[in-house]
């Protein structure tokens, strides 16, 4: 299983809901890089992070095929944060 984050729409906040709800601490704030980070070795695939994300920027892939599909969708997505001016 793998977690993917669409940073095109993620607000990348220290107060990320996924960080708050992750039961294993897989989601955390990387102080050095100043970004949300995921430790895949801690992820148990519960999906709480996906449900908690208010903008739908977090995805859980259960297979490599699903991972590649989601990754392509993120790469080609034109979505931008609603706060971003055009």
PDB file of N, CA and C in Angstrom:
ATOM      1  N   UNK A   1       0.834  -1.179   0.000  1.00  0.00           N
ATOM      2  CA  UNK A   1       0.000   0.000   0.000  1.00  0.00           C
ATOM      3  C   UNK A   1       0.876   1.239   0.000  1.00  0.00           C
ATOM      4  N   UNK A   2       0.370   2.265  -0.643  1.00  0.00           N
ATOM      5  CA  UNK A   2       1.120   3.513  -0.711  1.00  0.00           C
ATOM      6  C   UNK A   2       0.169   4.691  -0.602  1.00  0.00           C
ATOM      7  N   UNK A   3       0.662   5.730   0.031  1.00  0.00           N
ATOM      8  CA  UNK A   3      -0.077   6.976   0.155  1.00  0.00           C
ATOM      9  C   UNK A   3       0.480   7.953  -0.860  1.00  0.00           C
ATOM     10  N   UNK A   4      -0.404   8.611  -1.576  1.00  0.00           N
ATOM     11  CA  UNK A   4       0.003   9.659  -2.505  1.00  0.00           C
ATOM     12  C   UNK A   4      -0.703  10.948  -2.103  1.00  0.00           C
ATOM     13  N   UNK A   5       0.003  12.064  -2.224  1.00  0.00           N
ATOM     14  CA  UNK A   5      -0.564  13.368  -1.902  1.00  0.00           C
ATOM     15  C   UNK A   5      -0.485  14.249  -3.138  1.00  0.00           C
ATOM     16  N   UNK A   6      -1.598  14.843  -3.487  1.00  0.00           N
ATOM     17  CA  UNK A   6      -1.620  15.790  -4.598  1.00  0.00           C
ATOM     18  C   UNK A   6      -1.297  17.166  -4.028  1.00  0.00           C
ATOM     19  N   UNK A   7      -0.033  17.546  -4.112  1.00  0.00           N
ATOM     20  CA  UNK A   7       0.391  18.823  -3.564  1.00  0.00           C
ATOM     21  C   UNK A   7      -0.067  20.004  -4.412  1.00  0.00           C
ATOM     22  N   UNK A   8      -0.715  19.732  -5.545  1.00  0.00           N
ATOM     23  CA  UNK A   8      -1.311  20.812  -6.336  1.00  0.00           C
ATOM     24  C   UNK A   8      -2.511  21.412  -5.609  1.00  0.00           C
ATOM     25  N   UNK A   9      -3.148  20.596  -4.766  1.00  0.00           N
ATOM     26  CA  UNK A   9      -4.319  21.083  -4.039  1.00  0.00           C
ATOM     27  C   UNK A   9      -4.147  21.047  -2.518  1.00  0.00           C
ATOM     28  N   UNK A  10      -3.155  20.359  -2.037  1.00  0.00           N
ATOM     29  CA  UNK A  10      -2.879  20.263  -0.593  1.00  0.00           C
ATOM     30  C   UNK A  10      -2.362  21.608  -0.089  1.00  0.00           C
ATOM     31  N   UNK A  11      -2.816  22.026   1.089  1.00  0.00           N
ATOM     32  CA  UNK A  11      -2.310  23.284   1.643  1.00  0.00           C
ATOM     33  C   UNK A  11      -0.984  23.094   2.378  1.00  0.00           C
ATOM     34  N   UNK A  12      -0.547  21.849   2.503  1.00  0.00           N
ATOM     35  CA  UNK A  12       0.763  21.526   3.087  1.00  0.00           C
ATOM     36  C   UNK A  12       0.973  22.218   4.431  1.00  0.00           C
ATOM     37  N   UNK A  13       0.018  22.056   5.308  1.00  0.00           N
ATOM     38  CA  UNK A  13       0.014  22.725   6.597  1.00  0.00           C
ATOM     39  C   UNK A  13       0.509  21.813   7.718  1.00  0.00           C
ATOM     40  N   UNK A  14       1.161  22.422   8.695  1.00  0.00           N
ATOM     41  CA  UNK A  14       1.575  21.684   9.897  1.00  0.00           C
ATOM     42  C   UNK A  14       0.356  21.126  10.627  1.00  0.00           C
ATOM     43  N   UNK A  15      -0.788  21.758  10.414  1.00  0.00           N
ATOM     44  CA  UNK A  15      -2.032  21.363  11.070  1.00  0.00           C
ATOM     45  C   UNK A  15      -2.867  20.393  10.235  1.00  0.00           C
ATOM     46  N   UNK A  16      -2.219  19.680   9.343  1.00  0.00           N
ATOM     47  CA  UNK A  16      -2.880  18.718   8.463  1.00  0.00           C
ATOM     48  C   UNK A  16      -3.729  17.738   9.281  1.00  0.00           C
ATOM     49  N   UNK A  17      -4.971  17.568   8.841  1.00  0.00           N
ATOM     50  CA  UNK A  17      -5.872  16.637   9.529  1.00  0.00           C
ATOM     51  C   UNK A  17      -5.347  15.201   9.494  1.00  0.00           C
ATOM     52  N   UNK A  18      -4.665  14.837   8.421  1.00  0.00           N
ATOM     53  CA  UNK A  18      -4.122  13.474   8.317  1.00  0.00           C
ATOM     54  C   UNK A  18      -3.093  13.206   9.415  1.00  0.00           C
ATOM     55  N   UNK A  19      -2.299  14.208   9.729  1.00  0.00           N
ATOM     56  CA  UNK A  19      -1.322  14.063  10.812  1.00  0.00           C
ATOM     57  C   UNK A  19      -2.049  13.797  12.123  1.00  0.00           C
ATOM     58  N   UNK A  20      -3.150  14.495  12.314  1.00  0.00           N
ATOM     59  CA  UNK A  20      -3.917  14.361  13.555  1.00  0.00           C
ATOM     60  C   UNK A  20      -4.586  13.006  13.696  1.00  0.00           C
ATOM     61  N   UNK A  21      -5.071  12.439  12.587  1.00  0.00           N
ATOM     62  CA  UNK A  21      -5.866  11.203  12.686  1.00  0.00           C
ATOM     63  C   UNK A  21      -5.066   9.918  12.457  1.00  0.00           C
ATOM     64  N   UNK A  22      -3.856  10.022  11.960  1.00  0.00           N
ATOM     65  CA  UNK A  22      -3.084   8.817  11.660  1.00  0.00           C
ATOM     66  C   UNK A  22      -2.751   8.055  12.947  1.00  0.00           C
ATOM     67  N   UNK A  23      -3.247   6.830  13.085  1.00  0.00           N
ATOM     68  CA  UNK A  23      -3.052   6.091  14.333  1.00  0.00           C
ATOM     69  C   UNK A  23      -1.618   5.590  14.549  1.00  0.00           C
ATOM     70  N   UNK A  24      -0.819   5.543  13.500  1.00  0.00           N
ATOM     71  CA  UNK A  24       0.538   5.007  13.633  1.00  0.00           C
ATOM     72  C   UNK A  24       1.625   6.066  13.526  1.00  0.00           C
ATOM     73  N   UNK A  25       1.233   7.303  13.237  1.00  0.00           N
ATOM     74  CA  UNK A  25       2.228   8.361  13.078  1.00  0.00           C
ATOM     75  C   UNK A  25       2.927   8.321  11.730  1.00  0.00           C
ATOM     76  N   UNK A  26       2.348   7.635  10.764  1.00  0.00           N
ATOM     77  CA  UNK A  26       2.950   7.579   9.432  1.00  0.00           C
ATOM     78  C   UNK A  26       2.981   8.972   8.801  1.00  0.00           C
ATOM     79  N   UNK A  27       1.923   9.755   9.019  1.00  0.00           N
ATOM     80  CA  UNK A  27       1.897  11.148   8.568  1.00  0.00           C
ATOM     81  C   UNK A  27       2.579  12.007   9.612  1.00  0.00           C
ATOM     82  N   UNK A  28       3.460  12.877   9.172  1.00  0.00           N
ATOM     83  CA  UNK A  28       4.135  13.779  10.099  1.00  0.00           C
ATOM     84  C   UNK A  28       4.606  15.027   9.366  1.00  0.00           C
ATOM     85  N   UNK A  29       4.977  16.027  10.135  1.00  0.00           N
ATOM     86  CA  UNK A  29       5.507  17.264   9.576  1.00  0.00           C
ATOM     87  C   UNK A  29       7.028  17.152   9.570  1.00  0.00           C
ATOM     88  N   UNK A  30       7.630  17.257   8.402  1.00  0.00           N
ATOM     89  CA  UNK A  30       9.083  17.206   8.258  1.00  0.00           C
ATOM     90  C   UNK A  30       9.610  18.629   8.453  1.00  0.00           C
ATOM     91  N   UNK A  31      10.168  18.882   9.631  1.00  0.00           N
ATOM     92  CA  UNK A  31      10.638  20.229   9.973  1.00  0.00           C
ATOM     93  C   UNK A  31      11.748  20.704   9.050  1.00  0.00           C
ATOM     94  N   UNK A  32      12.614  19.804   8.671  1.00  0.00           N
ATOM     95  CA  UNK A  32      13.750  20.167   7.824  1.00  0.00           C
ATOM     96  C   UNK A  32      13.293  20.585   6.423  1.00  0.00           C
ATOM     97  N   UNK A  33      12.383  19.789   5.844  1.00  0.00           N
ATOM     98  CA  UNK A  33      11.902  20.068   4.484  1.00  0.00           C
ATOM     99  C   UNK A  33      10.688  20.995   4.475  1.00  0.00           C
ATOM    100  N   UNK A  34      10.106  21.221   5.652  1.00  0.00           N
ATOM    101  CA  UNK A  34       8.915  22.058   5.808  1.00  0.00           C
ATOM    102  C   UNK A  34       7.767  21.582   4.915  1.00  0.00           C
ATOM    103  N   UNK A  35       7.449  20.308   5.099  1.00  0.00           N
ATOM    104  CA  UNK A  35       6.376  19.702   4.305  1.00  0.00           C
ATOM    105  C   UNK A  35       5.758  18.528   5.060  1.00  0.00           C
ATOM    106  N   UNK A  36       4.570  18.147   4.621  1.00  0.00           N
ATOM    107  CA  UNK A  36       3.938  16.934   5.128  1.00  0.00           C
ATOM    108  C   UNK A  36       4.718  15.753   4.548  1.00  0.00           C
ATOM    109  N   UNK A  37       4.964  14.767   5.372  1.00  0.00           N
ATOM    110  CA  UNK A  37       5.692  13.589   4.918  1.00  0.00           C
ATOM    111  C   UNK A  37       4.968  12.335   5.397  1.00  0.00           C
ATOM    112  N   UNK A  38       5.212  11.243   4.703  1.00  0.00           N
ATOM    113  CA  UNK A  38       4.595   9.967   5.056  1.00  0.00           C
ATOM    114  C   UNK A  38       5.684   8.908   5.154  1.00  0.00           C
ATOM    115  N   UNK A  39       5.691   8.199   6.274  1.00  0.00           N
ATOM    116  CA  UNK A  39       6.596   7.072   6.455  1.00  0.00           C
ATOM    117  C   UNK A  39       5.809   5.817   6.064  1.00  0.00           C
ATOM    118  N   UNK A  40       6.030   5.358   4.849  1.00  0.00           N
ATOM    119  CA  UNK A  40       5.261   4.229   4.312  1.00  0.00           C
ATOM    120  C   UNK A  40       5.390   2.972   5.163  1.00  0.00           C
ATOM    121  N   UNK A  41       6.505   2.816   5.848  1.00  0.00           N
ATOM    122  CA  UNK A  41       6.688   1.613   6.664  1.00  0.00           C
ATOM    123  C   UNK A  41       5.757   1.591   7.880  1.00  0.00           C
ATOM    124  N   UNK A  42       5.213   2.746   8.248  1.00  0.00           N
ATOM    125  CA  UNK A  42       4.285   2.827   9.382  1.00  0.00           C
ATOM    126  C   UNK A  42       2.820   2.769   8.957  1.00  0.00           C
ATOM    127  N   UNK A  43       2.560   2.960   7.674  1.00  0.00           N
ATOM    128  CA  UNK A  43       1.185   2.997   7.181  1.00  0.00           C
ATOM    129  C   UNK A  43       0.557   1.605   7.239  1.00  0.00           C
ATOM    130  N   UNK A  44      -0.645   1.536   7.831  1.00  0.00           N
ATOM    131  CA  UNK A  44      -1.370   0.271   7.917  1.00  0.00           C
ATOM    132  C   UNK A  44      -2.553   0.225   6.948  1.00  0.00           C
ATOM    133  N   UNK A  45      -2.708   1.274   6.148  1.00  0.00           N
ATOM    134  CA  UNK A  45      -3.756   1.287   5.130  1.00  0.00           C
ATOM    135  C   UNK A  45      -5.163   1.463   5.658  1.00  0.00           C
ATOM    136  N   UNK A  46      -5.302   2.125   6.793  1.00  0.00           N
ATOM    137  CA  UNK A  46      -6.636   2.286   7.383  1.00  0.00           C
ATOM    138  C   UNK A  46      -7.508   3.285   6.621  1.00  0.00           C
ATOM    139  N   UNK A  47      -6.891   4.224   5.904  1.00  0.00           N
ATOM    140  CA  UNK A  47      -7.641   5.193   5.111  1.00  0.00           C
ATOM    141  C   UNK A  47      -8.162   6.396   5.871  1.00  0.00           C
ATOM    142  N   UNK A  48      -7.833   6.503   7.141  1.00  0.00           N
ATOM    143  CA  UNK A  48      -8.309   7.646   7.927  1.00  0.00           C
ATOM    144  C   UNK A  48      -7.799   8.969   7.352  1.00  0.00           C
ATOM    145  N   UNK A  49      -6.588   8.958   6.824  1.00  0.00           N
ATOM    146  CA  UNK A  49      -6.009  10.174   6.238  1.00  0.00           C
ATOM    147  C   UNK A  49      -6.819  10.624   5.029  1.00  0.00           C
ATOM    148  N   UNK A  50      -7.243   9.676   4.211  1.00  0.00           N
ATOM    149  CA  UNK A  50      -8.032   9.978   3.016  1.00  0.00           C
ATOM    150  C   UNK A  50      -9.352  10.623   3.431  1.00  0.00           C
ATOM    151  N   UNK A  51     -10.004  10.040   4.414  1.00  0.00           N
ATOM    152  CA  UNK A  51     -11.277  10.552   4.899  1.00  0.00           C
ATOM    153  C   UNK A  51     -11.135  11.913   5.563  1.00  0.00           C
ATOM    154  N   UNK A  52     -10.014  12.160   6.223  1.00  0.00           N
ATOM    155  CA  UNK A  52      -9.819  13.400   6.975  1.00  0.00           C
ATOM    156  C   UNK A  52      -9.443  14.590   6.110  1.00  0.00           C
ATOM    157  N   UNK A  53      -8.925  14.354   4.930  1.00  0.00           N
ATOM    158  CA  UNK A  53      -8.454  15.454   4.083  1.00  0.00           C
ATOM    159  C   UNK A  53      -9.654  16.237   3.542  1.00  0.00           C
ATOM    160  N   UNK A  54      -9.774  17.521   3.923  1.00  0.00           N
ATOM    161  CA  UNK A  54     -10.939  18.301   3.504  1.00  0.00           C
ATOM    162  C   UNK A  54     -10.951  18.669   2.018  1.00  0.00           C
ATOM    163  N   UNK A  55      -9.803  18.569   1.336  1.00  0.00           N
ATOM    164  CA  UNK A  55      -9.748  18.930  -0.085  1.00  0.00           C
ATOM    165  C   UNK A  55      -9.556  17.732  -1.005  1.00  0.00           C
ATOM    166  N   UNK A  56      -9.490  16.539  -0.455  1.00  0.00           N
ATOM    167  CA  UNK A  56      -9.356  15.331  -1.265  1.00  0.00           C
ATOM    168  C   UNK A  56      -7.999  15.185  -1.920  1.00  0.00           C
ATOM    169  N   UNK A  57      -6.954  15.607  -1.230  1.00  0.00           N
ATOM    170  CA  UNK A  57      -5.602  15.569  -1.795  1.00  0.00           C
ATOM    171  C   UNK A  57      -4.837  14.287  -1.475  1.00  0.00           C
ATOM    172  N   UNK A  58      -5.409  13.425  -0.641  1.00  0.00           N
ATOM    173  CA  UNK A  58      -4.710  12.212  -0.208  1.00  0.00           C
ATOM    174  C   UNK A  58      -5.388  10.984  -0.800  1.00  0.00           C
ATOM    175  N   UNK A  59      -4.565  10.080  -1.305  1.00  0.00           N
ATOM    176  CA  UNK A  59      -5.047   8.855  -1.933  1.00  0.00           C
ATOM    177  C   UNK A  59      -4.318   7.656  -1.339  1.00  0.00           C
ATOM    178  N   UNK A  60      -5.009   6.545  -1.259  1.00  0.00           N
ATOM    179  CA  UNK A  60      -4.424   5.299  -0.782  1.00  0.00           C
ATOM    180  C   UNK A  60      -4.479   4.287  -1.919  1.00  0.00           C
ATOM    181  N   UNK A  61      -3.319   3.847  -2.361  1.00  0.00           N
ATOM    182  CA  UNK A  61      -3.235   2.844  -3.431  1.00  0.00           C
ATOM    183  C   UNK A  61      -2.933   1.497  -2.799  1.00  0.00           C
ATOM    184  N   UNK A  62      -3.744   0.524  -3.118  1.00  0.00           N
ATOM    185  CA  UNK A  62      -3.576  -0.812  -2.538  1.00  0.00           C
ATOM    186  C   UNK A  62      -2.789  -1.767  -3.434  1.00  0.00           C
ATOM    187  N   UNK A  63      -2.652  -1.403  -4.706  1.00  0.00           N
ATOM    188  CA  UNK A  63      -1.886  -2.234  -5.641  1.00  0.00           C
ATOM    189  C   UNK A  63      -0.951  -1.344  -6.448  1.00  0.00           C
ATOM    190  N   UNK A  64       0.030  -1.933  -7.079  1.00  0.00           N
ATOM    191  CA  UNK A  64       0.953  -1.143  -7.899  1.00  0.00           C
ATOM    192  C   UNK A  64       0.233  -0.555  -9.110  1.00  0.00           C
ATOM    193  N   UNK A  65      -0.735  -1.279  -9.647  1.00  0.00           N
ATOM    194  CA  UNK A  65      -1.516  -0.779 -10.777  1.00  0.00           C
ATOM    195  C   UNK A  65      -2.326   0.450 -10.356  1.00  0.00           C
ATOM    196  N   UNK A  66      -2.942   0.366  -9.193  1.00  0.00           N
ATOM    197  CA  UNK A  66      -3.707   1.489  -8.663  1.00  0.00           C
ATOM    198  C   UNK A  66      -2.785   2.683  -8.368  1.00  0.00           C
ATOM    199  N   UNK A  67      -1.611   2.406  -7.844  1.00  0.00           N
ATOM    200  CA  UNK A  67      -0.623   3.456  -7.558  1.00  0.00           C
ATOM    201  C   UNK A  67      -0.267   4.217  -8.835  1.00  0.00           C
ATOM    202  N   UNK A  68       0.036   3.491  -9.895  1.00  0.00           N
ATOM    203  CA  UNK A  68       0.413   4.125 -11.163  1.00  0.00           C
ATOM    204  C   UNK A  68      -0.737   4.946 -11.736  1.00  0.00           C
ATOM    205  N   UNK A  69      -1.954   4.441 -11.619  1.00  0.00           N
ATOM    206  CA  UNK A  69      -3.130   5.162 -12.114  1.00  0.00           C
ATOM    207  C   UNK A  69      -3.309   6.481 -11.360  1.00  0.00           C
ATOM    208  N   UNK A  70      -3.238   6.430 -10.038  1.00  0.00           N
ATOM    209  CA  UNK A  70      -3.402   7.630  -9.218  1.00  0.00           C
ATOM    210  C   UNK A  70      -2.267   8.617  -9.486  1.00  0.00           C
ATOM    211  N   UNK A  71      -1.064   8.098  -9.593  1.00  0.00           N
ATOM    212  CA  UNK A  71       0.093   8.956  -9.855  1.00  0.00           C
ATOM    213  C   UNK A  71      -0.087   9.717 -11.175  1.00  0.00           C
ATOM    214  N   UNK A  72      -0.533   9.024 -12.217  1.00  0.00           N
ATOM    215  CA  UNK A  72      -0.777   9.682 -13.514  1.00  0.00           C
ATOM    216  C   UNK A  72      -1.873  10.740 -13.395  1.00  0.00           C
ATOM    217  N   UNK A  73      -2.927  10.413 -12.656  1.00  0.00           N
ATOM    218  CA  UNK A  73      -4.025  11.368 -12.476  1.00  0.00           C
ATOM    219  C   UNK A  73      -3.538  12.630 -11.769  1.00  0.00           C
ATOM    220  N   UNK A  74      -2.689  12.470 -10.765  1.00  0.00           N
ATOM    221  CA  UNK A  74      -2.144  13.632 -10.049  1.00  0.00           C
ATOM    222  C   UNK A  74      -1.260  14.451 -10.980  1.00  0.00           C
ATOM    223  N   UNK A  75      -0.403  13.768 -11.728  1.00  0.00           N
ATOM    224  CA  UNK A  75       0.524  14.469 -12.626  1.00  0.00           C
ATOM    225  C   UNK A  75      -0.207  15.269 -13.700  1.00  0.00           C
ATOM    226  N   UNK A  76      -1.329  14.755 -14.182  1.00  0.00           N
ATOM    227  CA  UNK A  76      -2.047  15.434 -15.261  1.00  0.00           C
ATOM    228  C   UNK A  76      -3.170  16.334 -14.759  1.00  0.00           C
ATOM    229  N   UNK A  77      -3.417  16.314 -13.468  1.00  0.00           N
ATOM    230  CA  UNK A  77      -4.485  17.113 -12.889  1.00  0.00           C
ATOM    231  C   UNK A  77      -4.227  18.604 -13.064  1.00  0.00           C
ATOM    232  N   UNK A  78      -5.274  19.317 -13.414  1.00  0.00           N
ATOM    233  CA  UNK A  78      -5.190  20.770 -13.540  1.00  0.00           C
ATOM    234  C   UNK A  78      -5.731  21.462 -12.292  1.00  0.00           C
ATOM    235  N   UNK A  79      -6.167  20.654 -11.330  1.00  0.00           N
ATOM    236  CA  UNK A  79      -6.726  21.232 -10.095  1.00  0.00           C
ATOM    237  C   UNK A  79      -5.684  22.057  -9.380  1.00  0.00           C
ATOM    238  N   UNK A  80      -6.128  23.124  -8.802  1.00  0.00           N
ATOM    239  CA  UNK A  80      -5.287  24.008  -8.005  1.00  0.00           C
ATOM    240  C   UNK A  80      -6.029  24.335  -6.729  1.00  0.00           C
ATOM    241  N   UNK A  81      -5.320  24.745  -5.700  1.00  0.00           N
ATOM    242  CA  UNK A  81      -6.009  25.129  -4.463  1.00  0.00           C
ATOM    243  C   UNK A  81      -7.009  26.230  -4.751  1.00  0.00           C
ATOM    244  N   UNK A  82      -8.137  26.196  -4.078  1.00  0.00           N
ATOM    245  CA  UNK A  82      -9.161  27.215  -4.314  1.00  0.00           C
ATOM    246  C   UNK A  82      -8.678  28.597  -3.914  1.00  0.00           C
ATOM    247  N   UNK A  83      -7.678  28.667  -3.057  1.00  0.00           N
ATOM    248  CA  UNK A  83      -7.145  29.954  -2.614  1.00  0.00           C
ATOM    249  C   UNK A  83      -6.148  30.543  -3.616  1.00  0.00           C
ATOM    250  N   UNK A  84      -5.712  29.730  -4.579  1.00  0.00           N
ATOM    251  CA  UNK A  84      -4.715  30.197  -5.554  1.00  0.00           C
ATOM    252  C   UNK A  84      -5.386  31.064  -6.609  1.00  0.00           C
ATOM    253  N   UNK A  85      -4.819  32.233  -6.838  1.00  0.00           N
ATOM    254  CA  UNK A  85      -5.374  33.150  -7.850  1.00  0.00           C
ATOM    255  C   UNK A  85      -4.874  32.766  -9.225  1.00  0.00           C
ATOM    256  N   UNK A  86      -5.727  32.932 -10.203  1.00  0.00           N
ATOM    257  CA  UNK A  86      -5.388  32.576 -11.590  1.00  0.00           C
ATOM    258  C   UNK A  86      -4.964  33.774 -12.370  1.00  0.00           C
TER     259      UNK A  86
END
